[in-house]
Amino acid sequence: MKKILIIGGIILILAGLYWQWLSKFPLGRLPVDILVNKQHLKIYFPLTTMLLLSVMLSLLFWLFRK
């Protein structure tokens, strides 16, 4: 458990350092991501992005378990 937390912390630190470069990836602006933009209301539901991240994390955890 400690090893997973340390690795997760390192990944978050690296993501923070490279945030400007990572923000150029189209995650969050994929097709089927829902955006409702009205006068005083903005709702954003990244459906495709969440599904893609879920699949990627599931594969990553499956590989680490093996």
Protein backbone atom coordinates (compact mmCIF):
# COMPACT_ATOMS: atom_id res chain seq x y z
CA MET A 1 0.00 0.00 0.00
CA LYS A 2 2.83 2.39 0.83
CA LYS A 3 4.46 1.73 -2.53
CA ILE A 4 1.24 2.58 -4.41
CA LEU A 5 0.85 5.86 -2.49
CA ILE A 6 4.46 6.85 -3.18
CA ILE A 7 4.14 6.05 -6.88
CA GLY A 8 0.83 7.93 -7.05
CA GLY A 9 2.44 10.96 -5.39
CA ILE A 10 5.35 10.92 -7.82
CA ILE A 11 2.92 10.72 -10.76
CA LEU A 12 0.97 13.71 -9.41
CA ILE A 13 4.16 15.72 -8.93
CA LEU A 14 5.30 14.95 -12.48
CA ALA A 15 1.86 15.82 -13.86
CA GLY A 16 2.05 19.16 -12.02
CA LEU A 17 5.49 19.90 -13.42
CA TYR A 18 4.47 19.12 -16.98
CA TRP A 19 0.94 20.60 -16.77
CA GLN A 20 1.40 23.07 -19.64
CA TRP A 21 2.57 20.29 -21.95
CA LEU A 22 -0.14 17.88 -20.75
CA SER A 23 -2.90 20.47 -21.24
CA LYS A 24 -2.33 20.31 -25.01
CA PHE A 25 -3.73 16.74 -25.09
CA PRO A 26 -7.39 16.68 -26.13
CA LEU A 27 -8.54 15.00 -22.90
CA GLY A 28 -11.63 16.86 -21.78
CA ARG A 29 -12.50 17.95 -25.31
CA LEU A 30 -13.31 14.59 -26.88
CA PRO A 31 -16.45 13.79 -28.87
CA VAL A 32 -19.49 12.96 -26.68
CA ASP A 33 -18.15 15.13 -23.83
CA ILE A 34 -21.28 17.05 -22.84
CA LEU A 35 -21.19 20.83 -22.38
CA VAL A 36 -24.29 22.85 -21.51
CA ASN A 37 -23.52 26.54 -21.70
CA LYS A 38 -26.40 28.89 -20.88
CA GLN A 39 -26.50 32.47 -19.70
CA HIS A 40 -25.82 31.86 -15.98
CA LEU A 41 -25.12 28.14 -16.07
CA LYS A 42 -22.23 26.06 -17.31
CA ILE A 43 -22.36 22.29 -16.91
CA TYR A 44 -19.58 20.10 -18.21
CA PHE A 45 -19.76 16.29 -18.14
CA PRO A 46 -16.70 14.64 -19.73
CA LEU A 47 -18.31 11.29 -20.55
CA THR A 48 -15.81 10.04 -23.13
CA THR A 49 -12.85 11.30 -21.14
CA MET A 50 -14.01 9.48 -18.00
CA LEU A 51 -14.55 6.23 -19.91
CA LEU A 52 -11.13 6.47 -21.56
CA LEU A 53 -9.37 7.18 -18.26
CA SER A 54 -11.25 4.33 -16.60
CA VAL A 55 -10.11 1.86 -19.26
CA MET A 56 -6.52 3.12 -19.10
CA LEU A 57 -6.38 2.91 -15.30
CA SER A 58 -7.99 -0.55 -15.30
CA LEU A 59 -5.36 -1.81 -17.74
CA LEU A 60 -2.59 -0.19 -15.72
CA PHE A 61 -3.75 -1.78 -12.46
CA TRP A 62 -4.20 -5.13 -14.21
CA LEU A 63 -0.61 -4.97 -15.50
CA PHE A 64 0.77 -4.08 -12.06
CA ARG A 65 -1.17 -6.93 -10.46
CA LYS A 66 0.41 -9.52 -12.80
